[in-house]
Structure formats: C-alpha cells, structure tokens
C-alpha cells in the first residue's frame, strides 16, 4: 500500500523572530523596592471586611497585607 504524501504546510502568519536586541531587553527585572501588581479574586464580603480592617487601624491595604504575610511567614515558615 502506497503512503499518501504529507499535506502542504500552511504559511505562518507569525512574522519574523525578534532580533537579539529585542530579546535582551525583555530580561530586565524590576528593582527590589519597585511595586508590582498582585491580582487575584476574593469574595465580596472578604474584600469589604479587609478594607474596613485596614481603615480601622489607619493603614493601607498593602500595609495590612504585608503585615499579615509577615506574621504568617514567621509562624508557618
């Protein structure tokens, strides 16, 4: 039985690969103190309670999250 020839390749629409300069530029890392987004979903009631807790103690939500994480790390690390 004869083998069928492979189907013809489709023309790629990806374009040319990036140059060496472009690939080197994507390796830049943020400075240690630089802020970055942290995106995740939480229940609406949790969000409300978290915002109230931060406001009650006069701190930003970021400060509260950092403090909670530090506490958790010390007790579970």
PDB file of N, CA and C in Angstrom:
ATOM      1  N   UNK A   1       0.838  -1.174   0.000  1.00  0.00           N
ATOM      2  CA  UNK A   1       0.000   0.000   0.000  1.00  0.00           C
ATOM      3  C   UNK A   1       0.891   1.248   0.000  1.00  0.00           C
ATOM      4  N   UNK A   2       0.593   2.176  -0.843  1.00  0.00           N
ATOM      5  CA  UNK A   2       1.413   3.380  -1.010  1.00  0.00           C
ATOM      6  C   UNK A   2       1.075   4.400   0.071  1.00  0.00           C
ATOM      7  N   UNK A   3       2.116   5.107   0.526  1.00  0.00           N
ATOM      8  CA  UNK A   3       1.907   6.157   1.532  1.00  0.00           C
ATOM      9  C   UNK A   3       1.414   7.416   0.847  1.00  0.00           C
ATOM     10  N   UNK A   4       0.470   8.088   1.491  1.00  0.00           N
ATOM     11  CA  UNK A   4      -0.008   9.366   0.969  1.00  0.00           C
ATOM     12  C   UNK A   4       1.015  10.441   1.303  1.00  0.00           C
ATOM     13  N   UNK A   5       1.207  11.402   0.409  1.00  0.00           N
ATOM     14  CA  UNK A   5       2.169  12.472   0.709  1.00  0.00           C
ATOM     15  C   UNK A   5       1.635  13.338   1.851  1.00  0.00           C
ATOM     16  N   UNK A   6       2.537  13.932   2.640  1.00  0.00           N
ATOM     17  CA  UNK A   6       2.070  14.779   3.738  1.00  0.00           C
ATOM     18  C   UNK A   6       1.340  16.010   3.196  1.00  0.00           C
ATOM     19  N   UNK A   7       0.409  16.547   3.969  1.00  0.00           N
ATOM     20  CA  UNK A   7      -0.312  17.734   3.488  1.00  0.00           C
ATOM     21  C   UNK A   7       0.634  18.919   3.363  1.00  0.00           C
ATOM     22  N   UNK A   8       0.336  19.845   2.469  1.00  0.00           N
ATOM     23  CA  UNK A   8       1.224  21.009   2.328  1.00  0.00           C
ATOM     24  C   UNK A   8       1.193  21.860   3.586  1.00  0.00           C
ATOM     25  N   UNK A   9       2.347  22.478   3.891  1.00  0.00           N
ATOM     26  CA  UNK A   9       2.433  23.335   5.076  1.00  0.00           C
ATOM     27  C   UNK A   9       1.695  24.637   4.836  1.00  0.00           C
ATOM     28  N   UNK A  10       1.008  25.085   5.882  1.00  0.00           N
ATOM     29  CA  UNK A  10       0.335  26.368   5.798  1.00  0.00           C
ATOM     30  C   UNK A  10       1.354  27.470   6.028  1.00  0.00           C
ATOM     31  N   UNK A  11       1.140  28.596   5.365  1.00  0.00           N
ATOM     32  CA  UNK A  11       2.029  29.731   5.544  1.00  0.00           C
ATOM     33  C   UNK A  11       1.814  30.317   6.933  1.00  0.00           C
ATOM     34  N   UNK A  12       2.882  30.524   7.660  1.00  0.00           N
ATOM     35  CA  UNK A  12       2.799  31.064   9.019  1.00  0.00           C
ATOM     36  C   UNK A  12       2.509  32.556   8.976  1.00  0.00           C
ATOM     37  N   UNK A  13       1.686  33.026   9.898  1.00  0.00           N
ATOM     38  CA  UNK A  13       1.400  34.456   9.995  1.00  0.00           C
ATOM     39  C   UNK A  13       2.062  35.049  11.244  1.00  0.00           C
ATOM     40  N   UNK A  14       3.056  34.360  11.763  1.00  0.00           N
ATOM     41  CA  UNK A  14       3.725  34.801  12.988  1.00  0.00           C
ATOM     42  C   UNK A  14       4.725  35.912  12.746  1.00  0.00           C
ATOM     43  N   UNK A  15       5.224  36.059  11.556  1.00  0.00           N
ATOM     44  CA  UNK A  15       6.204  37.101  11.280  1.00  0.00           C
ATOM     45  C   UNK A  15       7.611  36.629  11.597  1.00  0.00           C
ATOM     46  N   UNK A  16       8.536  37.558  11.522  1.00  0.00           N
ATOM     47  CA  UNK A  16       9.940  37.257  11.758  1.00  0.00           C
ATOM     48  C   UNK A  16      10.218  37.132  13.257  1.00  0.00           C
ATOM     49  N   UNK A  17      11.200  36.322  13.639  1.00  0.00           N
ATOM     50  CA  UNK A  17      11.554  36.234  15.059  1.00  0.00           C
ATOM     51  C   UNK A  17      12.177  37.544  15.523  1.00  0.00           C
ATOM     52  N   UNK A  18      12.133  37.816  16.833  1.00  0.00           N
ATOM     53  CA  UNK A  18      12.710  39.063  17.336  1.00  0.00           C
ATOM     54  C   UNK A  18      14.226  39.083  17.172  1.00  0.00           C
ATOM     55  N   UNK A  19      14.775  40.282  17.079  1.00  0.00           N
ATOM     56  CA  UNK A  19      16.226  40.414  16.960  1.00  0.00           C
ATOM     57  C   UNK A  19      16.873  40.149  18.315  1.00  0.00           C
ATOM     58  N   UNK A  20      18.194  40.005  18.316  1.00  0.00           N
ATOM     59  CA  UNK A  20      18.914  39.775  19.575  1.00  0.00           C
ATOM     60  C   UNK A  20      18.708  40.929  20.547  1.00  0.00           C
ATOM     61  N   UNK A  21      18.682  42.159  20.047  1.00  0.00           N
ATOM     62  CA  UNK A  21      18.484  43.322  20.925  1.00  0.00           C
ATOM     63  C   UNK A  21      17.120  43.259  21.602  1.00  0.00           C
ATOM     64  N   UNK A  22      16.088  42.858  20.863  1.00  0.00           N
ATOM     65  CA  UNK A  22      14.744  42.789  21.435  1.00  0.00           C
ATOM     66  C   UNK A  22      14.652  41.706  22.501  1.00  0.00           C
ATOM     67  N   UNK A  23      15.323  40.594  22.285  1.00  0.00           N
ATOM     68  CA  UNK A  23      15.250  39.523  23.276  1.00  0.00           C
ATOM     69  C   UNK A  23      16.043  39.855  24.530  1.00  0.00           C
ATOM     70  N   UNK A  24      17.119  40.621  24.392  1.00  0.00           N
ATOM     71  CA  UNK A  24      17.885  41.023  25.575  1.00  0.00           C
ATOM     72  C   UNK A  24      17.093  42.007  26.425  1.00  0.00           C
ATOM     73  N   UNK A  25      16.279  42.825  25.791  1.00  0.00           N
ATOM     74  CA  UNK A  25      15.530  43.856  26.509  1.00  0.00           C
ATOM     75  C   UNK A  25      14.426  43.268  27.391  1.00  0.00           C
ATOM     76  N   UNK A  26      13.960  42.067  27.098  1.00  0.00           N
ATOM     77  CA  UNK A  26      12.875  41.509  27.900  1.00  0.00           C
ATOM     78  C   UNK A  26      13.373  40.812  29.170  1.00  0.00           C
ATOM     79  N   UNK A  27      14.663  40.865  29.432  1.00  0.00           N
ATOM     80  CA  UNK A  27      15.216  40.219  30.615  1.00  0.00           C
ATOM     81  C   UNK A  27      15.369  41.176  31.797  1.00  0.00           C
ATOM     82  N   UNK A  28      14.968  42.434  31.612  1.00  0.00           N
ATOM     83  CA  UNK A  28      15.074  43.404  32.695  1.00  0.00           C
ATOM     84  C   UNK A  28      14.149  43.010  33.835  1.00  0.00           C
ATOM     85  N   UNK A  29      14.661  43.040  35.039  1.00  0.00           N
ATOM     86  CA  UNK A  29      13.872  42.686  36.213  1.00  0.00           C
ATOM     87  C   UNK A  29      13.602  43.948  37.012  1.00  0.00           C
ATOM     88  N   UNK A  30      12.431  44.015  37.677  1.00  0.00           N
ATOM     89  CA  UNK A  30      12.141  45.200  38.484  1.00  0.00           C
ATOM     90  C   UNK A  30      13.084  45.279  39.683  1.00  0.00           C
ATOM     91  N   UNK A  31      13.323  46.495  40.133  1.00  0.00           N
ATOM     92  CA  UNK A  31      14.142  46.709  41.324  1.00  0.00           C
ATOM     93  C   UNK A  31      13.422  46.089  42.524  1.00  0.00           C
ATOM     94  N   UNK A  32      14.166  45.675  43.558  1.00  0.00           N
ATOM     95  CA  UNK A  32      13.544  45.030  44.718  1.00  0.00           C
ATOM     96  C   UNK A  32      12.457  45.880  45.400  1.00  0.00           C
ATOM     97  N   UNK A  33      12.627  47.191  45.447  1.00  0.00           N
ATOM     98  CA  UNK A  33      11.634  48.035  46.115  1.00  0.00           C
ATOM     99  C   UNK A  33      10.509  48.511  45.216  1.00  0.00           C
ATOM    100  N   UNK A  34      10.590  48.180  43.926  1.00  0.00           N
ATOM    101  CA  UNK A  34       9.590  48.636  42.961  1.00  0.00           C
ATOM    102  C   UNK A  34       8.273  47.890  43.167  1.00  0.00           C
ATOM    103  N   UNK A  35       7.162  48.602  43.050  1.00  0.00           N
ATOM    104  CA  UNK A  35       5.855  47.994  43.242  1.00  0.00           C
ATOM    105  C   UNK A  35       5.424  47.242  41.991  1.00  0.00           C
ATOM    106  N   UNK A  36       4.716  46.136  42.191  1.00  0.00           N
ATOM    107  CA  UNK A  36       4.181  45.341  41.089  1.00  0.00           C
ATOM    108  C   UNK A  36       2.750  44.948  41.440  1.00  0.00           C
ATOM    109  N   UNK A  37       1.949  44.719  40.421  1.00  0.00           N
ATOM    110  CA  UNK A  37       0.561  44.329  40.651  1.00  0.00           C
ATOM    111  C   UNK A  37       0.475  42.898  41.161  1.00  0.00           C
ATOM    112  N   UNK A  38      -0.487  42.687  42.042  1.00  0.00           N
ATOM    113  CA  UNK A  38      -0.791  41.359  42.550  1.00  0.00           C
ATOM    114  C   UNK A  38      -2.291  41.201  42.378  1.00  0.00           C
ATOM    115  N   UNK A  39      -2.703  40.458  41.377  1.00  0.00           N
ATOM    116  CA  UNK A  39      -4.122  40.376  41.032  1.00  0.00           C
ATOM    117  C   UNK A  39      -4.687  39.009  41.347  1.00  0.00           C
ATOM    118  N   UNK A  40      -5.748  38.996  42.151  1.00  0.00           N
ATOM    119  CA  UNK A  40      -6.481  37.774  42.414  1.00  0.00           C
ATOM    120  C   UNK A  40      -7.873  38.140  42.892  1.00  0.00           C
ATOM    121  N   UNK A  41      -8.784  37.206  42.777  1.00  0.00           N
ATOM    122  CA  UNK A  41     -10.179  37.427  43.146  1.00  0.00           C
ATOM    123  C   UNK A  41     -10.424  36.925  44.564  1.00  0.00           C
ATOM    124  N   UNK A  42     -11.245  37.675  45.297  1.00  0.00           N
ATOM    125  CA  UNK A  42     -11.680  37.272  46.638  1.00  0.00           C
ATOM    126  C   UNK A  42     -13.188  37.498  46.716  1.00  0.00           C
ATOM    127  N   UNK A  43     -13.862  36.823  47.647  1.00  0.00           N
ATOM    128  CA  UNK A  43     -15.298  37.075  47.809  1.00  0.00           C
ATOM    129  C   UNK A  43     -15.551  38.537  48.196  1.00  0.00           C
ATOM    130  N   UNK A  44     -16.678  39.059  47.757  1.00  0.00           N
ATOM    131  CA  UNK A  44     -17.019  40.465  48.007  1.00  0.00           C
ATOM    132  C   UNK A  44     -17.047  40.781  49.502  1.00  0.00           C
ATOM    133  N   UNK A  45     -17.535  39.861  50.309  1.00  0.00           N
ATOM    134  CA  UNK A  45     -17.595  40.114  51.759  1.00  0.00           C
ATOM    135  C   UNK A  45     -16.194  40.195  52.358  1.00  0.00           C
ATOM    136  N   UNK A  46     -15.276  39.358  51.863  1.00  0.00           N
ATOM    137  CA  UNK A  46     -13.893  39.416  52.334  1.00  0.00           C
ATOM    138  C   UNK A  46     -13.271  40.764  51.981  1.00  0.00           C
ATOM    139  N   UNK A  47     -13.492  41.206  50.759  1.00  0.00           N
ATOM    140  CA  UNK A  47     -12.943  42.493  50.309  1.00  0.00           C
ATOM    141  C   UNK A  47     -13.435  43.621  51.215  1.00  0.00           C
ATOM    142  N   UNK A  48     -14.722  43.616  51.499  1.00  0.00           N
ATOM    143  CA  UNK A  48     -15.298  44.666  52.345  1.00  0.00           C
ATOM    144  C   UNK A  48     -14.686  44.619  53.742  1.00  0.00           C
ATOM    145  N   UNK A  49     -14.613  43.435  54.324  1.00  0.00           N
ATOM    146  CA  UNK A  49     -14.052  43.283  55.670  1.00  0.00           C
ATOM    147  C   UNK A  49     -12.568  43.672  55.703  1.00  0.00           C
ATOM    148  N   UNK A  50     -11.826  43.321  54.656  1.00  0.00           N
ATOM    149  CA  UNK A  50     -10.403  43.654  54.583  1.00  0.00           C
ATOM    150  C   UNK A  50     -10.215  45.167  54.528  1.00  0.00           C
ATOM    151  N   UNK A  51     -11.016  45.842  53.705  1.00  0.00           N
ATOM    152  CA  UNK A  51     -10.914  47.301  53.591  1.00  0.00           C
ATOM    153  C   UNK A  51     -11.274  47.970  54.915  1.00  0.00           C
ATOM    154  N   UNK A  52     -12.294  47.454  55.587  1.00  0.00           N
ATOM    155  CA  UNK A  52     -12.707  48.014  56.885  1.00  0.00           C
ATOM    156  C   UNK A  52     -11.600  47.821  57.911  1.00  0.00           C
ATOM    157  N   UNK A  53     -10.985  46.632  57.933  1.00  0.00           N
ATOM    158  CA  UNK A  53      -9.902  46.362  58.884  1.00  0.00           C
ATOM    159  C   UNK A  53      -8.731  47.306  58.657  1.00  0.00           C
ATOM    160  N   UNK A  54      -8.359  47.521  57.401  1.00  0.00           N
ATOM    161  CA  UNK A  54      -7.245  48.426  57.102  1.00  0.00           C
ATOM    162  C   UNK A  54      -7.585  49.846  57.549  1.00  0.00           C
ATOM    163  N   UNK A  55      -8.786  50.291  57.264  1.00  0.00           N
ATOM    164  CA  UNK A  55      -9.193  51.649  57.648  1.00  0.00           C
ATOM    165  C   UNK A  55      -9.282  51.792  59.161  1.00  0.00           C
ATOM    166  N   UNK A  56      -9.755  50.765  59.835  1.00  0.00           N
ATOM    167  CA  UNK A  56      -9.885  50.797  61.295  1.00  0.00           C
ATOM    168  C   UNK A  56      -8.528  51.024  61.954  1.00  0.00           C
ATOM    169  N   UNK A  57      -7.497  50.389  61.422  1.00  0.00           N
ATOM    170  CA  UNK A  57      -6.162  50.509  62.005  1.00  0.00           C
ATOM    171  C   UNK A  57      -5.328  51.598  61.346  1.00  0.00           C
ATOM    172  N   UNK A  58      -5.941  52.389  60.468  1.00  0.00           N
ATOM    173  CA  UNK A  58      -5.257  53.522  59.855  1.00  0.00           C
ATOM    174  C   UNK A  58      -4.098  53.140  58.964  1.00  0.00           C
ATOM    175  N   UNK A  59      -4.228  52.048  58.254  1.00  0.00           N
ATOM    176  CA  UNK A  59      -3.155  51.612  57.367  1.00  0.00           C
ATOM    177  C   UNK A  59      -3.725  51.315  55.989  1.00  0.00           C
ATOM    178  N   UNK A  60      -2.849  51.295  54.997  1.00  0.00           N
ATOM    179  CA  UNK A  60      -3.303  50.952  53.649  1.00  0.00           C
ATOM    180  C   UNK A  60      -3.529  49.441  53.572  1.00  0.00           C
ATOM    181  N   UNK A  61      -4.258  49.040  52.551  1.00  0.00           N
ATOM    182  CA  UNK A  61      -4.498  47.614  52.368  1.00  0.00           C
ATOM    183  C   UNK A  61      -3.190  46.880  52.069  1.00  0.00           C
ATOM    184  N   UNK A  62      -2.280  47.538  51.377  1.00  0.00           N
ATOM    185  CA  UNK A  62      -0.975  46.928  51.082  1.00  0.00           C
ATOM    186  C   UNK A  62      -0.211  46.701  52.384  1.00  0.00           C
ATOM    187  N   UNK A  63      -0.203  47.707  53.257  1.00  0.00           N
ATOM    188  CA  UNK A  63       0.492  47.569  54.539  1.00  0.00           C
ATOM    189  C   UNK A  63      -0.110  46.434  55.363  1.00  0.00           C
ATOM    190  N   UNK A  64      -1.440  46.343  55.374  1.00  0.00           N
ATOM    191  CA  UNK A  64      -2.105  45.275  56.127  1.00  0.00           C
ATOM    192  C   UNK A  64      -1.749  43.907  55.543  1.00  0.00           C
ATOM    193  N   UNK A  65      -1.779  43.791  54.234  1.00  0.00           N
ATOM    194  CA  UNK A  65      -1.434  42.517  53.600  1.00  0.00           C
ATOM    195  C   UNK A  65       0.004  42.118  53.910  1.00  0.00           C
ATOM    196  N   UNK A  66       0.942  43.081  53.847  1.00  0.00           N
ATOM    197  CA  UNK A  66       2.335  42.796  54.173  1.00  0.00           C
ATOM    198  C   UNK A  66       2.481  42.332  55.614  1.00  0.00           C
ATOM    199  N   UNK A  67       1.798  43.030  56.530  1.00  0.00           N
ATOM    200  CA  UNK A  67       1.889  42.673  57.948  1.00  0.00           C
ATOM    201  C   UNK A  67       1.320  41.282  58.199  1.00  0.00           C
ATOM    202  N   UNK A  68       0.195  40.976  57.577  1.00  0.00           N
ATOM    203  CA  UNK A  68      -0.416  39.654  57.728  1.00  0.00           C
ATOM    204  C   UNK A  68       0.520  38.584  57.174  1.00  0.00           C
ATOM    205  N   UNK A  69       1.127  38.844  56.006  1.00  0.00           N
ATOM    206  CA  UNK A  69       2.019  37.863  55.403  1.00  0.00           C
ATOM    207  C   UNK A  69       3.269  37.652  56.252  1.00  0.00           C
ATOM    208  N   UNK A  70       3.822  38.733  56.799  1.00  0.00           N
ATOM    209  CA  UNK A  70       4.994  38.602  57.676  1.00  0.00           C
ATOM    210  C   UNK A  70       4.664  37.747  58.894  1.00  0.00           C
ATOM    211  N   UNK A  71       3.489  37.995  59.495  1.00  0.00           N
ATOM    212  CA  UNK A  71       3.057  37.212  60.645  1.00  0.00           C
ATOM    213  C   UNK A  71       2.916  35.747  60.269  1.00  0.00           C
ATOM    214  N   UNK A  72       2.278  35.497  59.146  1.00  0.00           N
ATOM    215  CA  UNK A  72       2.059  34.123  58.686  1.00  0.00           C
ATOM    216  C   UNK A  72       3.397  33.440  58.414  1.00  0.00           C
ATOM    217  N   UNK A  73       4.323  34.161  57.769  1.00  0.00           N
ATOM    218  CA  UNK A  73       5.640  33.588  57.449  1.00  0.00           C
ATOM    219  C   UNK A  73       6.406  33.206  58.697  1.00  0.00           C
ATOM    220  N   UNK A  74       6.359  34.063  59.716  1.00  0.00           N
ATOM    221  CA  UNK A  74       7.062  33.780  60.963  1.00  0.00           C
ATOM    222  C   UNK A  74       6.484  32.565  61.679  1.00  0.00           C
ATOM    223  N   UNK A  75       5.184  32.346  61.547  1.00  0.00           N
ATOM    224  CA  UNK A  75       4.536  31.262  62.278  1.00  0.00           C
ATOM    225  C   UNK A  75       4.398  29.975  61.469  1.00  0.00           C
ATOM    226  N   UNK A  76       4.617  30.036  60.178  1.00  0.00           N
ATOM    227  CA  UNK A  76       4.491  28.850  59.345  1.00  0.00           C
ATOM    228  C   UNK A  76       5.740  28.566  58.522  1.00  0.00           C
ATOM    229  N   UNK A  77       6.771  29.359  58.685  1.00  0.00           N
ATOM    230  CA  UNK A  77       7.972  29.209  57.848  1.00  0.00           C
ATOM    231  C   UNK A  77       8.904  28.246  58.384  1.00  0.00           C
TER     232      UNK A  77
END
